[in-house]
Amino acid sequence: MSTIERDVLGRAELGRLVERREEELAQLRARLAEWEESYDDTPRRDGPFTTISGREIAPLYTRVDRDGADEDEAVGLPGSYPFTRGPYATMYRTRLWTMRQFAGFASAEETNERYHYLLDHGQTGLSVAFDFPTLMGFDSDHPRSLGEVGVCGVAISSLADMERLFEGIPLDKVSVSMTINGPAVILFCFYVAAAEKQGIDPTVLRGTVQNDILKEYQAQHAWVFPPEPALRCIVDMFEWCSEHTPSYNPISISGYHIREAGSTAGEELAFTLRNAFEYVERGIARGLDVDSFAPRLSFFFDVHNDFFEEIAKLRAARRIWARGMKERYGATNPDSWRLRTHCQTAGVSLTAQQAENNIVRVAYQAMAAALGGTQSLHTNSMDETLSLPTEKAVRIALRTQQILAFESGVSNTIDPLAGSYFVESLTDELEREALALFDEIDALGGVVPGIEQGWFQQQIAGSAMRQQREVESGERVVVGVNHFLEGSEKIEIDTLKIDPEVERMQVARMSAMRAERDEATVASTLSALTGACRGEQNVVPYILDCARCYCTLFEIRAAMEEVFGSYKEPVFF
């Protein structure tokens, strides 16, 4: 038989397969129509039959909802392009997700004690929560820090504080995540210098610094510098880390705060990934090989109450990232296509009323994160809506992850919901929504013009208003808040209280540290940093020199601000 004859027979067989498939789908549609008609008059409970994001949910999903979808291309296998089913081939069969509880309060010493407690109780990575002055780049003894030192996180104003924070914790063996954005490059340098003080080579450091400034302008507002110099510092970190800390992630592109500010799941997905692509474009524009920094880009997503939507969101995120990196940005290293993410349960879903209900909410959210294929996870404590968590609440949150990992069976098989008509349809739908939002952002001129025009802020605010209206009207049930109110009064539970003495002691320590350091070296390194900011040099080595001689956070910020200026958000509303 000739090649032409075989080709003709092949086309004929393909045609028969297509006809058979169309006949089967037509028969299924007819059966569905009969099924719908049979229950048309059946009374139904009040809805809404929508996700928290407002997405309409059909009563039933079948093969019809995925008509035309190429399962092999869109879903594939775990560890293989486009990574819908997971970034690694064996996922939790080889290694469980990292149980990384977010912690930080009061002084560095007290937080250090909490870290030792968490590590002793089975936690496998550390995640640092900073107080508000630190997040904004102010020292603990700055006038604007008054009354806020150590209240919502740990106070870190210099290398001396960072050394105390990690005393007795081997930084070459424990991965460390730091949630800091505006002054992220400065805190990162404190961390590297602290590791050096332990005699550790920075090349072995593992972990992540959040360092995602775009979402700060969009949602959280903990910024220091205007967008362009802030983006320059981020690309400087890409460049420096690729050579000096190759196992440390210089950024964690975060949808968490976008979602906590009120966005929908689709907006969280789209804004996070479009921000990520903006960082990639900035790195390429610097002249960096995309494969030199993209494998170290990591992500951070919120996991909210809508179980299936959250699973689908994480699956869609991996697919969009893989396709964008390979097809649009020309990355050739599979590690550049592989989206790796940390997840945190939704802080905004916690309620002060019937606070123990938060344990249940967090457990289901954690299960969604695991079924969605997260690489690390923080589970919120039941009392976090009232205060920073107590040790008891933190222990329950950590035990929630351990029960999930070792008792529930979710870690036994990879992406167990793959092939579900509902989950695959939701994954496709979220991908389409994200790509449509990309087009809107590109029409604005990109991410930075969208921020400057207030578009992102207005989108998030609009979604937040819709969700709040649904709760206030009772349309959206929140147990113990607008329904099932018996016993909804705030239950008396122990909460963590920060002693005002913490601030006094922190200020005294800073005064003593200033008296002991070499002021001439401090002045010269700060001057050199300002000069580097005026030029085109990578600023990381200069900030690291400042850190090593105990320049403070605000001193370093001020030296950079002299050139970069400070950011003030325009009024959009």
Protein backbone atom coordinates (compact mmCIF):
# COMPACT_ATOMS: atom_id res chain seq x y z
CA MET A 1 0.00 0.00 0.00
CA SER A 2 1.36 3.39 -0.98
CA THR A 3 1.88 6.33 1.36
CA ILE A 4 -0.93 8.20 -0.43
CA GLU A 5 -3.33 5.27 0.06
CA ARG A 6 -2.45 5.03 3.74
CA ASP A 7 -2.97 8.78 4.10
CA VAL A 8 -6.42 8.56 2.43
CA LEU A 9 -7.43 5.69 4.72
CA GLY A 10 -6.14 7.64 7.74
CA ARG A 11 -8.22 10.68 6.83
CA ALA A 12 -11.26 8.50 6.28
CA GLU A 13 -10.85 6.83 9.70
CA LEU A 14 -10.44 10.23 11.32
CA GLY A 15 -13.60 11.42 9.63
CA ARG A 16 -15.51 8.40 10.94
CA LEU A 17 -14.21 9.07 14.46
CA VAL A 18 -15.34 12.70 14.28
CA GLU A 19 -18.79 11.67 13.04
CA ARG A 20 -19.10 9.07 15.80
CA ARG A 21 -18.08 11.64 18.40
CA GLU A 22 -20.63 14.14 17.12
CA GLU A 23 -23.35 11.47 17.22
CA GLU A 24 -22.44 10.57 20.82
CA LEU A 25 -22.47 14.23 21.87
CA ALA A 26 -25.84 14.77 20.14
CA GLN A 27 -27.26 11.75 21.99
CA LEU A 28 -25.85 13.07 25.28
CA ARG A 29 -27.37 16.52 24.68
CA ALA A 30 -30.74 14.89 24.02
CA ARG A 31 -30.50 12.85 27.24
CA LEU A 32 -29.54 16.00 29.16
CA ALA A 33 -32.53 17.86 27.74
CA GLU A 34 -34.83 15.02 28.89
CA TRP A 35 -33.17 15.03 32.32
CA GLU A 36 -33.63 18.80 32.71
CA GLU A 37 -37.26 18.54 31.64
CA SER A 38 -37.92 15.77 34.17
CA TYR A 39 -37.02 17.96 37.16
CA ASP A 40 -38.18 21.30 35.74
CA ASP A 41 -41.06 21.63 38.20
CA THR A 42 -39.14 20.31 41.22
CA PRO A 43 -38.86 22.93 43.99
CA ARG A 44 -35.29 24.02 44.64
CA ARG A 45 -33.62 25.63 47.61
CA ASP A 46 -32.63 29.26 47.41
CA GLY A 47 -29.27 29.94 45.78
CA PRO A 48 -27.14 31.59 44.87
CA PHE A 49 -25.74 28.82 42.71
CA THR A 50 -22.58 30.80 42.08
CA THR A 51 -19.04 30.76 43.35
CA ILE A 52 -17.87 33.43 45.78
CA SER A 53 -16.49 35.19 42.70
CA GLY A 54 -19.99 35.35 41.20
CA ARG A 55 -19.39 32.63 38.62
CA GLU A 56 -22.61 30.84 37.62
CA ILE A 57 -22.48 27.11 38.34
CA ALA A 58 -24.52 24.72 36.21
CA PRO A 59 -26.52 21.98 37.96
CA LEU A 60 -24.54 19.29 36.14
CA TYR A 61 -21.32 19.05 34.13
CA THR A 62 -20.73 16.45 31.42
CA ARG A 63 -18.56 15.81 28.38
CA VAL A 64 -20.65 18.38 26.52
CA ASP A 65 -19.08 21.15 28.61
CA ARG A 66 -15.62 20.20 27.36
CA ASP A 67 -16.61 19.70 23.70
CA GLY A 68 -13.60 20.50 21.55
CA ALA A 69 -11.06 20.45 24.38
CA ASP A 70 -7.90 18.49 23.72
CA GLU A 71 -7.36 16.58 26.96
CA ASP A 72 -3.78 15.54 26.17
CA GLU A 73 -2.69 19.05 25.26
CA ALA A 74 -4.59 20.96 27.97
CA VAL A 75 -4.27 18.53 30.89
CA GLY A 76 -1.28 16.33 30.16
CA LEU A 77 0.67 14.57 32.89
CA PRO A 78 2.15 15.85 36.15
CA GLY A 79 5.63 17.26 35.73
CA SER A 80 5.11 17.71 31.98
CA TYR A 81 4.18 20.74 29.89
CA PRO A 82 1.77 22.52 30.40
CA PHE A 83 1.90 21.33 34.06
CA THR A 84 -1.87 21.51 34.63
CA ARG A 85 -1.65 18.43 36.84
CA GLY A 86 1.32 19.63 38.87
CA PRO A 87 4.84 21.03 38.50
CA TYR A 88 6.57 17.76 39.42
CA ALA A 89 6.10 14.24 38.12
CA THR A 90 5.66 12.48 41.46
CA MET A 91 4.33 15.39 43.55
CA TYR A 92 3.48 14.38 47.14
CA ARG A 93 4.45 10.72 46.52
CA THR A 94 8.05 11.96 46.73
CA ARG A 95 7.79 15.00 48.96
CA LEU A 96 4.91 16.58 50.86
CA TRP A 97 4.24 20.28 50.58
CA THR A 98 6.33 22.41 52.95
CA MET A 99 4.36 23.26 56.10
CA ARG A 100 5.42 26.89 56.39
CA GLN A 101 3.54 28.73 59.17
CA PHE A 102 3.75 32.53 58.96
CA ALA A 103 5.02 33.92 62.28
CA GLY A 104 6.46 37.06 63.75
CA PHE A 105 5.56 39.25 66.71
CA ALA A 106 7.09 41.67 69.20
CA SER A 107 10.87 41.37 69.46
CA ALA A 108 13.31 39.26 67.47
CA GLU A 109 13.99 37.18 70.61
CA GLU A 110 10.33 36.30 71.15
CA THR A 111 9.84 35.43 67.49
CA ASN A 112 13.00 33.30 67.63
CA GLU A 113 11.41 31.34 70.49
CA ARG A 114 8.26 30.80 68.39
CA TYR A 115 10.39 29.60 65.46
CA HIS A 116 12.15 27.04 67.65
CA TYR A 117 8.73 25.92 68.95
CA LEU A 118 7.36 25.49 65.40
CA LEU A 119 10.43 23.60 64.18
CA ASP A 120 10.29 21.34 67.24
CA HIS A 121 6.60 20.58 66.48
CA GLY A 122 7.12 19.46 62.89
CA GLN A 123 7.14 22.64 60.80
CA THR A 124 9.50 22.30 57.85
CA GLY A 125 10.12 25.93 56.84
CA LEU A 126 10.00 29.39 58.38
CA SER A 127 7.98 32.37 57.18
CA VAL A 128 8.67 35.81 58.64
CA ALA A 129 5.89 38.31 59.39
CA PHE A 130 7.24 41.83 59.92
CA ASP A 131 5.64 44.65 61.90
CA PHE A 132 4.15 47.62 60.07
CA PRO A 133 7.10 50.02 60.54
CA THR A 134 9.42 47.42 59.01
CA LEU A 135 7.01 46.83 56.11
CA MET A 136 7.12 50.56 55.35
CA GLY A 137 10.89 50.94 55.78
CA PHE A 138 10.91 52.76 59.14
CA ASP A 139 13.20 52.01 62.07
CA SER A 140 11.64 51.12 65.42
CA ASP A 141 12.85 54.45 66.87
CA HIS A 142 11.43 56.55 64.03
CA PRO A 143 8.61 58.91 65.15
CA ARG A 144 6.20 57.29 62.69
CA SER A 145 6.74 53.90 64.37
CA LEU A 146 5.36 55.03 67.71
CA GLY A 147 2.84 52.51 69.08
CA GLU A 148 3.31 50.04 66.19
CA VAL A 149 6.58 48.33 67.07
CA GLY A 150 6.13 44.54 67.16
CA VAL A 151 2.32 44.76 67.08
CA CYS A 152 1.51 42.94 63.82
CA GLY A 153 4.83 41.21 63.28
CA VAL A 154 8.47 41.22 64.30
CA ALA A 155 10.47 44.47 64.39
CA ILE A 156 13.63 44.28 62.26
CA SER A 157 15.58 47.52 61.92
CA SER A 158 19.15 46.30 61.30
CA LEU A 159 21.41 43.31 60.92
CA ALA A 160 21.56 43.09 64.73
CA ASP A 161 17.81 42.31 64.84
CA MET A 162 18.13 39.77 62.03
CA GLU A 163 20.95 38.01 63.88
CA ARG A 164 18.76 37.72 66.98
CA LEU A 165 15.81 36.53 64.90
CA PHE A 166 17.72 33.49 63.59
CA GLU A 167 19.95 32.75 66.57
CA GLY A 168 20.41 28.98 66.90
CA ILE A 169 18.60 28.31 63.58
CA PRO A 170 20.94 26.91 60.90
CA LEU A 171 20.11 28.97 57.81
CA ASP A 172 21.87 26.44 55.57
CA LYS A 173 19.32 23.78 56.61
CA VAL A 174 16.03 25.71 57.07
CA SER A 175 14.32 27.50 54.19
CA VAL A 176 13.15 31.00 55.05
CA SER A 177 10.34 32.97 53.45
CA MET A 178 10.06 36.70 54.14
CA THR A 179 6.86 38.64 53.51
CA ILE A 180 8.24 42.07 52.69
CA ASN A 181 7.82 44.21 49.57
CA GLY A 182 8.60 47.94 49.56
CA PRO A 183 11.98 47.59 51.35
CA ALA A 184 12.42 43.91 50.36
CA VAL A 185 15.91 44.29 48.93
CA ILE A 186 17.10 45.78 52.24
CA LEU A 187 15.63 43.00 54.43
CA PHE A 188 17.03 40.42 52.02
CA CYS A 189 20.50 41.89 52.49
CA PHE A 190 20.07 41.78 56.29
CA TYR A 191 19.22 38.08 55.91
CA VAL A 192 22.23 37.33 53.68
CA ALA A 193 24.52 39.21 56.09
CA ALA A 194 23.06 37.26 59.05
CA ALA A 195 23.83 34.00 57.23
CA GLU A 196 27.38 35.19 56.63
CA LYS A 197 27.68 35.87 60.37
CA GLN A 198 26.79 32.19 60.92
CA GLY A 199 29.62 31.26 58.58
CA ILE A 200 27.21 30.15 55.85
CA ASP A 201 27.96 30.56 52.16
CA PRO A 202 25.01 32.45 50.57
CA THR A 203 24.97 30.00 47.67
CA VAL A 204 23.28 27.37 49.89
CA LEU A 205 20.49 29.63 51.21
CA ARG A 206 16.96 28.44 50.40
CA GLY A 207 13.66 30.27 50.60
CA THR A 208 11.82 33.22 49.14
CA VAL A 209 11.47 36.95 49.62
CA GLN A 210 8.09 38.24 48.48
CA ASN A 211 9.40 41.41 46.81
CA ASP A 212 6.28 41.83 44.62
CA ILE A 213 5.86 45.59 44.39
CA LEU A 214 3.26 45.69 41.59
CA LYS A 215 0.56 44.10 43.74
CA GLU A 216 1.36 46.64 46.48
CA TYR A 217 0.31 49.49 44.18
CA GLN A 218 -2.76 47.47 43.17
CA ALA A 219 -3.97 46.15 46.50
CA GLN A 220 -1.91 46.31 49.69
CA HIS A 221 -0.19 49.74 49.71
CA ALA A 222 3.05 48.87 51.55
CA TRP A 223 5.33 50.68 49.11
CA VAL A 224 8.38 52.93 49.44
CA PHE A 225 9.65 54.01 46.02
CA PRO A 226 7.76 54.86 42.78
CA PRO A 227 7.17 52.00 40.30
CA GLU A 228 10.15 52.43 37.97
CA PRO A 229 12.97 52.55 40.56
CA ALA A 230 11.19 49.82 42.55
CA LEU A 231 11.17 47.60 39.45
CA ARG A 232 14.85 48.38 38.89
CA CYS A 233 15.65 47.04 42.38
CA ILE A 234 13.71 43.86 41.67
CA VAL A 235 15.60 43.19 38.45
CA ASP A 236 18.85 43.94 40.32
CA MET A 237 17.88 41.14 42.70
CA PHE A 238 17.15 38.78 39.78
CA GLU A 239 20.63 39.49 38.46
CA TRP A 240 22.47 39.25 41.80
CA CYS A 241 20.63 36.19 43.10
CA SER A 242 21.13 34.17 39.91
CA GLU A 243 24.88 34.31 40.62
CA HIS A 244 25.18 34.50 44.41
CA THR A 245 22.07 32.75 45.87
CA PRO A 246 20.99 30.39 43.07
CA SER A 247 18.69 28.36 45.35
CA TYR A 248 16.87 31.38 46.77
CA ASN A 249 13.79 32.80 45.07
CA PRO A 250 14.19 36.59 44.66
CA ILE A 251 10.46 37.17 44.24
CA SER A 252 7.13 35.55 45.07
CA ILE A 253 4.51 37.02 42.78
CA SER A 254 1.48 37.30 45.00
CA GLY A 255 -2.20 37.00 44.29
CA TYR A 256 -2.92 36.58 47.99
CA HIS A 257 -3.19 40.27 48.81
CA ILE A 258 -5.13 40.99 45.61
CA ARG A 259 -7.71 38.41 46.69
CA GLU A 260 -7.74 39.58 50.30
CA ALA A 261 -8.49 43.11 49.03
CA GLY A 262 -11.67 41.77 47.41
CA SER A 263 -10.87 40.51 43.92
CA THR A 264 -12.53 37.50 42.35
CA ALA A 265 -10.62 34.27 41.75
CA GLY A 266 -10.35 35.14 38.06
CA GLU A 267 -8.97 38.60 38.81
CA GLU A 268 -6.49 37.17 41.29
CA LEU A 269 -5.32 34.71 38.65
CA ALA A 270 -5.08 37.29 35.86
CA PHE A 271 -3.52 40.15 37.81
CA THR A 272 -0.95 37.89 39.47
CA LEU A 273 0.20 36.28 36.24
CA ARG A 274 0.19 39.53 34.27
CA ASN A 275 2.35 41.08 37.01
CA ALA A 276 4.67 38.08 36.72
CA PHE A 277 4.98 38.51 32.98
CA GLU A 278 5.79 42.20 33.57
CA TYR A 279 8.72 41.17 35.78
CA VAL A 280 9.87 38.75 33.08
CA GLU A 281 9.72 41.51 30.46
CA ARG A 282 11.75 43.83 32.71
CA GLY A 283 14.41 41.16 33.19
CA ILE A 284 14.65 40.53 29.45
CA ALA A 285 14.84 44.30 28.80
CA ARG A 286 17.83 44.44 31.18
CA GLY A 287 19.56 41.96 28.89
CA LEU A 288 19.19 38.93 31.14
CA ASP A 289 18.66 35.52 29.58
CA VAL A 290 15.12 34.57 30.58
CA ASP A 291 16.28 31.12 31.63
CA SER A 292 18.86 32.65 33.98
CA PHE A 293 16.21 34.03 36.35
CA ALA A 294 12.78 32.58 35.48
CA PRO A 295 13.35 29.22 37.24
CA ARG A 296 13.64 31.10 40.55
CA LEU A 297 10.38 33.03 40.19
CA SER A 298 7.78 31.68 42.60
CA PHE A 299 4.13 32.44 43.35
CA PHE A 300 1.79 32.94 46.29
CA PHE A 301 -1.96 32.37 46.00
CA ASP A 302 -4.91 32.79 48.33
CA VAL A 303 -7.14 29.75 48.91
CA HIS A 304 -10.66 30.94 49.65
CA ASN A 305 -13.87 29.18 50.64
CA ASP A 306 -15.08 28.02 47.23
CA PHE A 307 -13.47 24.59 47.18
CA PHE A 308 -13.57 23.67 43.49
CA GLU A 309 -12.91 27.16 42.14
CA GLU A 310 -9.70 27.35 44.16
CA ILE A 311 -8.48 23.97 42.88
CA ALA A 312 -9.24 24.99 39.30
CA LYS A 313 -7.49 28.36 39.79
CA LEU A 314 -4.19 26.72 40.75
CA ARG A 315 -4.41 24.28 37.81
CA ALA A 316 -5.17 27.11 35.37
CA ALA A 317 -2.30 29.21 36.77
CA ARG A 318 0.27 26.53 35.94
CA ARG A 319 -1.06 26.15 32.41
CA ILE A 320 -1.14 29.87 31.63
CA TRP A 321 2.36 30.40 33.02
CA ALA A 322 3.84 27.45 31.10
CA ARG A 323 2.35 28.51 27.79
CA GLY A 324 3.30 32.16 28.25
CA MET A 325 6.90 31.40 29.18
CA LYS A 326 7.43 28.94 26.36
CA GLU A 327 5.45 30.50 23.55
CA ARG A 328 5.67 34.24 24.27
CA TYR A 329 8.98 34.70 26.07
CA GLY A 330 10.97 31.91 24.42
CA ALA A 331 12.14 30.17 27.58
CA THR A 332 13.71 26.82 26.74
CA ASN A 333 14.42 25.47 30.23
CA PRO A 334 11.42 23.47 31.51
CA ASP A 335 12.11 24.91 34.97
CA SER A 336 11.19 28.32 33.52
CA TRP A 337 7.79 26.94 32.47
CA ARG A 338 7.13 25.30 35.85
CA LEU A 339 4.96 27.45 38.15
CA ARG A 340 5.72 26.69 41.80
CA THR A 341 3.52 28.22 44.46
CA HIS A 342 3.02 28.78 48.15
CA CYS A 343 -0.59 29.02 49.32
CA GLN A 344 -2.21 30.50 52.38
CA THR A 345 -5.74 29.97 53.58
CA ALA A 346 -7.95 33.06 53.28
CA GLY A 347 -7.50 35.45 56.18
CA VAL A 348 -10.44 37.50 54.96
CA SER A 349 -12.74 34.48 55.40
CA LEU A 350 -12.05 34.28 59.16
CA THR A 351 -14.79 35.58 61.46
CA ALA A 352 -14.71 37.01 64.97
CA GLN A 353 -18.15 35.49 65.58
CA GLN A 354 -18.06 31.78 66.49
CA ALA A 355 -14.29 31.84 66.03
CA GLU A 356 -13.93 28.05 66.34
CA ASN A 357 -15.73 27.76 62.98
CA ASN A 358 -12.52 29.13 61.47
CA ILE A 359 -10.82 25.80 62.17
CA VAL A 360 -13.29 24.11 59.80
CA ARG A 361 -12.95 26.81 57.13
CA VAL A 362 -9.17 26.55 57.22
CA ALA A 363 -9.24 22.73 56.97
CA TYR A 364 -11.30 22.77 53.77
CA GLN A 365 -9.21 25.57 52.28
CA ALA A 366 -6.05 23.61 53.08
CA MET A 367 -7.50 20.54 51.36
CA ALA A 368 -8.25 22.63 48.26
CA ALA A 369 -4.65 23.86 48.23
CA ALA A 370 -3.35 20.29 48.42
CA LEU A 371 -5.72 19.03 45.72
CA GLY A 372 -4.68 22.03 43.61
CA GLY A 373 -1.02 21.00 43.90
CA THR A 374 0.61 23.64 46.13
CA GLN A 375 4.32 23.37 47.01
CA SER A 376 4.02 24.94 50.46
CA LEU A 377 1.16 25.97 52.70
CA HIS A 378 0.31 28.24 55.62
CA THR A 379 -2.88 27.47 57.52
CA ASN A 380 -4.38 30.43 59.38
CA SER A 381 -5.10 30.21 63.10
CA MET A 382 -8.66 30.48 64.37
CA ASP A 383 -7.94 33.64 66.40
CA GLU A 384 -6.16 35.72 63.75
CA THR A 385 -9.18 37.94 63.21
CA LEU A 386 -8.81 38.99 66.87
CA SER A 387 -5.04 39.25 67.29
CA LEU A 388 -1.77 37.66 66.35
CA PRO A 389 -2.23 33.93 67.05
CA THR A 390 -1.53 32.23 70.35
CA GLU A 391 0.66 29.13 70.53
CA LYS A 392 -2.42 26.93 71.01
CA ALA A 393 -4.10 28.32 67.89
CA VAL A 394 -0.89 27.98 65.87
CA ARG A 395 -0.54 24.36 67.01
CA ILE A 396 -4.11 23.57 65.85
CA ALA A 397 -3.38 25.21 62.48
CA LEU A 398 -0.21 23.18 62.04
CA ARG A 399 -1.93 19.95 63.17
CA THR A 400 -4.60 20.66 60.51
CA GLN A 401 -1.92 20.35 57.83
CA GLN A 402 -0.43 17.25 59.41
CA ILE A 403 -3.81 15.49 59.63
CA LEU A 404 -4.45 16.45 56.01
CA ALA A 405 -1.06 15.12 54.90
CA PHE A 406 -0.92 11.90 56.90
CA GLU A 407 -4.53 10.86 57.58
CA SER A 408 -6.82 12.11 54.80
CA GLY A 409 -5.28 10.27 51.83
CA VAL A 410 -5.07 13.38 49.62
CA SER A 411 -1.30 12.97 49.26
CA ASN A 412 -1.50 9.39 47.97
CA THR A 413 -2.29 10.12 44.32
CA ILE A 414 -1.51 13.03 42.02
CA ASP A 415 -4.19 15.53 40.94
CA PRO A 416 -7.06 13.17 41.84
CA LEU A 417 -9.75 15.48 40.43
CA ALA A 418 -8.27 15.55 36.92
CA GLY A 419 -10.83 14.50 34.34
CA SER A 420 -13.73 15.75 36.45
CA TYR A 421 -16.10 17.46 34.03
CA PHE A 422 -16.70 20.19 36.60
CA VAL A 423 -13.07 20.82 37.60
CA GLU A 424 -11.77 20.70 34.03
CA SER A 425 -14.55 23.04 32.86
CA LEU A 426 -13.79 25.48 35.70
CA THR A 427 -10.07 25.31 34.86
CA ASP A 428 -10.80 26.14 31.21
CA GLU A 429 -13.20 28.93 32.19
CA LEU A 430 -10.74 30.57 34.56
CA GLU A 431 -8.02 30.39 31.91
CA ARG A 432 -10.28 32.11 29.37
CA GLU A 433 -11.22 34.82 31.89
CA ALA A 434 -7.56 35.49 32.71
CA LEU A 435 -6.57 35.75 29.05
CA ALA A 436 -9.43 38.19 28.40
CA LEU A 437 -8.21 40.35 31.31
CA PHE A 438 -4.68 40.24 29.88
CA ASP A 439 -6.08 41.82 26.72
CA GLU A 440 -7.72 44.60 28.75
CA ILE A 441 -4.46 45.29 30.60
CA ASP A 442 -2.46 45.36 27.37
CA ALA A 443 -4.99 47.81 25.91
CA LEU A 444 -4.21 50.16 28.82
CA GLY A 445 -0.53 50.05 27.90
CA GLY A 446 0.53 47.42 30.42
CA VAL A 447 0.64 46.96 34.18
CA VAL A 448 2.30 50.22 35.24
CA PRO A 449 -0.05 52.44 33.15
CA GLY A 450 -2.96 50.39 34.53
CA ILE A 451 -1.78 51.16 38.07
CA GLU A 452 -1.26 54.85 37.29
CA GLN A 453 -4.79 55.06 35.83
CA GLY A 454 -6.29 53.30 38.86
CA TRP A 455 -7.76 50.51 36.72
CA PHE A 456 -6.58 47.63 38.93
CA GLN A 457 -7.67 49.40 42.10
CA GLN A 458 -11.16 50.08 40.68
CA GLN A 459 -11.61 46.48 39.47
CA ILE A 460 -10.72 45.08 42.89
CA ALA A 461 -12.89 47.61 44.73
CA GLY A 462 -15.88 46.81 42.51
CA SER A 463 -15.57 43.08 43.19
CA ALA A 464 -15.16 43.69 46.93
CA MET A 465 -18.33 45.81 47.00
CA ARG A 466 -20.37 43.11 45.24
CA GLN A 467 -19.23 40.43 47.66
CA GLN A 468 -19.88 42.63 50.70
CA ARG A 469 -23.40 43.45 49.46
CA GLU A 470 -24.14 39.73 49.10
CA VAL A 471 -23.07 39.09 52.71
CA GLU A 472 -24.93 42.07 54.13
CA SER A 473 -28.12 41.16 52.27
CA GLY A 474 -27.89 37.55 53.45
CA GLU A 475 -27.75 36.29 49.87
CA ARG A 476 -24.31 34.79 50.57
CA VAL A 477 -24.36 32.67 53.75
CA VAL A 478 -21.58 33.17 56.28
CA VAL A 479 -22.17 30.80 59.16
CA GLY A 480 -22.38 32.61 62.47
CA VAL A 481 -22.37 36.06 60.85
CA ASN A 482 -25.59 36.40 58.84
CA HIS A 483 -27.10 32.91 59.34
CA PHE A 484 -27.09 30.39 62.22
CA LEU A 485 -26.57 33.20 64.69
CA GLU A 486 -27.24 31.38 67.95
CA GLY A 487 -24.11 31.77 70.02
CA SER A 488 -22.65 34.29 67.57
CA GLU A 489 -21.42 36.59 70.28
CA LYS A 490 -17.64 36.74 70.38
CA ILE A 491 -16.43 33.75 72.34
CA GLU A 492 -13.88 34.52 75.01
CA ILE A 493 -10.65 32.91 73.89
CA ASP A 494 -7.13 33.73 74.92
CA THR A 495 -5.48 36.21 72.57
CA LEU A 496 -1.88 37.29 72.19
CA LYS A 497 -1.15 40.70 73.72
CA ILE A 498 2.03 42.61 72.86
CA ASP A 499 3.64 44.20 75.89
CA PRO A 500 4.31 47.94 75.30
CA GLU A 501 7.69 47.30 76.95
CA VAL A 502 8.75 45.64 73.67
CA GLU A 503 8.93 49.02 71.94
CA ARG A 504 10.98 50.62 74.73
CA MET A 505 13.47 47.75 74.74
CA GLN A 506 13.75 47.77 70.93
CA VAL A 507 14.46 51.52 70.90
CA ALA A 508 17.08 51.08 73.66
CA ARG A 509 18.78 48.29 71.70
CA MET A 510 18.93 50.47 68.60
CA SER A 511 20.52 53.28 70.59
CA ALA A 512 23.16 50.90 71.95
CA MET A 513 23.84 49.47 68.49
CA ARG A 514 24.33 52.97 67.03
CA ALA A 515 26.80 53.81 69.80
CA GLU A 516 28.93 50.74 69.06
CA ARG A 517 29.13 50.85 65.27
CA ASP A 518 31.73 52.66 63.15
CA GLU A 519 29.95 55.86 62.08
CA ALA A 520 32.56 56.76 59.45
CA THR A 521 32.02 53.41 57.71
CA VAL A 522 28.25 53.87 57.99
CA ALA A 523 28.44 57.29 56.32
CA SER A 524 30.74 56.11 53.52
CA THR A 525 28.68 53.02 52.64
CA LEU A 526 25.43 55.02 52.61
CA SER A 527 27.07 57.61 50.35
CA ALA A 528 28.29 54.86 48.00
CA LEU A 529 24.75 53.44 47.86
CA THR A 530 23.30 56.82 46.89
CA GLY A 531 25.91 57.07 44.14
CA ALA A 532 25.00 53.61 42.84
CA CYS A 533 21.32 54.62 42.73
CA ARG A 534 22.27 57.67 40.62
CA GLY A 535 24.16 55.46 38.20
CA GLU A 536 23.31 52.16 36.59
CA GLN A 537 25.12 49.79 38.95
CA ASN A 538 23.36 46.88 40.59
CA VAL A 539 22.37 48.21 44.02
CA VAL A 540 22.40 44.86 45.89
CA PRO A 541 26.18 44.77 46.66
CA TYR A 542 26.00 48.35 48.00
CA ILE A 543 23.02 47.60 50.24
CA LEU A 544 24.78 44.46 51.47
CA ASP A 545 27.81 46.57 52.43
CA CYS A 546 25.47 48.89 54.36
CA ALA A 547 23.88 45.93 56.14
CA ARG A 548 27.24 44.48 57.16
CA CYS A 549 28.27 47.66 58.97
CA TYR A 550 24.89 47.92 60.78
CA CYS A 551 23.29 50.75 58.83
CA THR A 552 19.62 50.76 59.79
CA LEU A 553 16.62 50.05 57.61
CA PHE A 554 15.52 53.69 57.46
CA GLU A 555 19.06 54.98 56.86
CA ILE A 556 19.35 52.70 53.82
CA ARG A 557 15.86 53.64 52.65
CA ALA A 558 16.69 57.36 52.98
CA ALA A 559 19.94 56.97 51.02
CA MET A 560 18.00 55.40 48.14
CA GLU A 561 15.05 57.75 48.46
CA GLU A 562 17.38 60.69 47.91
CA VAL A 563 17.61 59.56 44.29
CA PHE A 564 14.46 57.50 43.73
CA GLY A 565 11.95 59.66 45.60
CA SER A 566 8.90 58.29 47.42
CA TYR A 567 5.59 57.11 45.98
CA LYS A 568 2.31 58.88 46.63
CA GLU A 569 -0.78 57.25 45.17
CA PRO A 570 -3.01 59.46 42.99
CA VAL A 571 -6.65 59.79 44.03
CA PHE A 572 -8.84 57.50 41.90
CA PHE A 573 -12.19 57.41 43.71
